[in-house]
Protein backbone atom coordinates (compact mmCIF):
# COMPACT_ATOMS: atom_id res chain seq x y z
CA MET A 1 102.40 133.76 99.68
CA ALA A 2 106.02 135.07 100.38
CA VAL A 3 106.60 135.43 103.56
CA PRO A 4 109.65 137.87 105.60
CA ASP A 5 111.68 134.71 105.79
CA ASP A 6 111.28 134.10 101.96
CA PHE A 7 112.42 137.62 101.49
CA ARG A 8 115.54 137.24 103.09
CA LEU A 9 116.63 133.85 101.85
CA ILE A 10 116.17 134.46 97.60
CA ARG A 11 118.64 137.23 98.48
CA GLU A 12 121.80 135.24 100.27
CA ILE A 13 120.96 133.74 97.38
CA ARG A 14 121.48 135.55 94.88
CA ASP A 15 124.14 137.85 97.09
CA ALA A 16 126.00 134.24 96.89
CA GLY A 17 126.42 134.50 93.11
CA GLY A 18 122.36 133.14 92.73
CA ARG A 19 123.16 129.04 93.53
CA LYS A 20 122.65 126.69 95.89
CA GLN A 21 123.34 123.33 96.70
CA VAL A 22 121.21 121.66 100.11
CA PHE A 23 121.86 118.29 100.66
CA SER A 24 119.09 117.35 103.77
CA PRO A 25 116.32 116.31 102.19
CA ARG A 26 115.05 118.69 105.20
CA GLU A 27 117.02 122.40 104.26
CA GLN A 28 115.53 121.28 101.24
CA ARG A 29 112.39 122.20 101.72
CA LYS A 30 112.74 125.52 102.74
CA TYR A 31 113.81 126.10 98.87
CA GLU A 32 110.80 123.75 97.54
CA ASP A 33 108.75 126.70 98.51
CA LEU A 34 110.51 129.38 96.94
CA VAL A 35 110.29 127.14 93.82
CA VAL A 36 106.76 126.94 93.84
CA LEU A 37 107.01 131.05 94.67
CA GLY A 38 108.97 131.25 90.99
CA TRP A 39 112.15 132.53 92.37
CA LEU A 40 114.13 129.61 92.56
CA LYS A 41 114.26 126.48 89.59
CA ARG A 42 116.28 122.91 91.39
CA SER A 43 118.04 121.23 88.65
CA PRO A 44 118.83 117.92 88.13
CA PRO A 45 120.92 116.43 91.03
CA LEU A 46 125.16 116.54 90.97
CA GLU A 47 124.21 113.49 94.32
CA THR A 48 121.26 111.51 94.95
CA LYS A 49 120.73 113.42 97.91
CA SER A 50 121.20 116.57 96.86
CA ALA A 51 119.03 120.07 95.11
CA PHE A 52 120.39 122.53 92.78
CA TYR A 53 118.67 125.49 93.36
CA GLN A 54 119.41 128.05 90.43
CA ILE A 55 117.41 132.29 90.41
CA THR A 56 115.18 133.28 88.15
CA ASP A 57 114.56 136.58 87.03
CA ARG A 58 111.46 136.50 88.96
CA GLY A 59 113.51 135.57 92.43
CA ARG A 60 116.73 138.71 91.31
CA SER A 61 112.95 140.88 90.84
CA ALA A 62 112.07 139.34 94.99
CA ALA A 63 115.81 139.69 95.61
CA THR A 64 115.51 143.63 96.06
CA ARG A 65 111.74 143.88 97.48
CA GLY A 66 110.64 141.89 100.92
């Protein structure tokens, strides 16, 4: 279930062009929650310690709500 911070975060990603690269495993946790919701998809990392996320159509729709 989405919480207000999830909506804030997906709007930030949408406004930044729909992509986000995250380096810290600790920071990746909040983005992984959005992957579970279907709002982001995780792409293969460019570096071993990073994760690359891209907004989905469902995420774009969620960004207009909340």
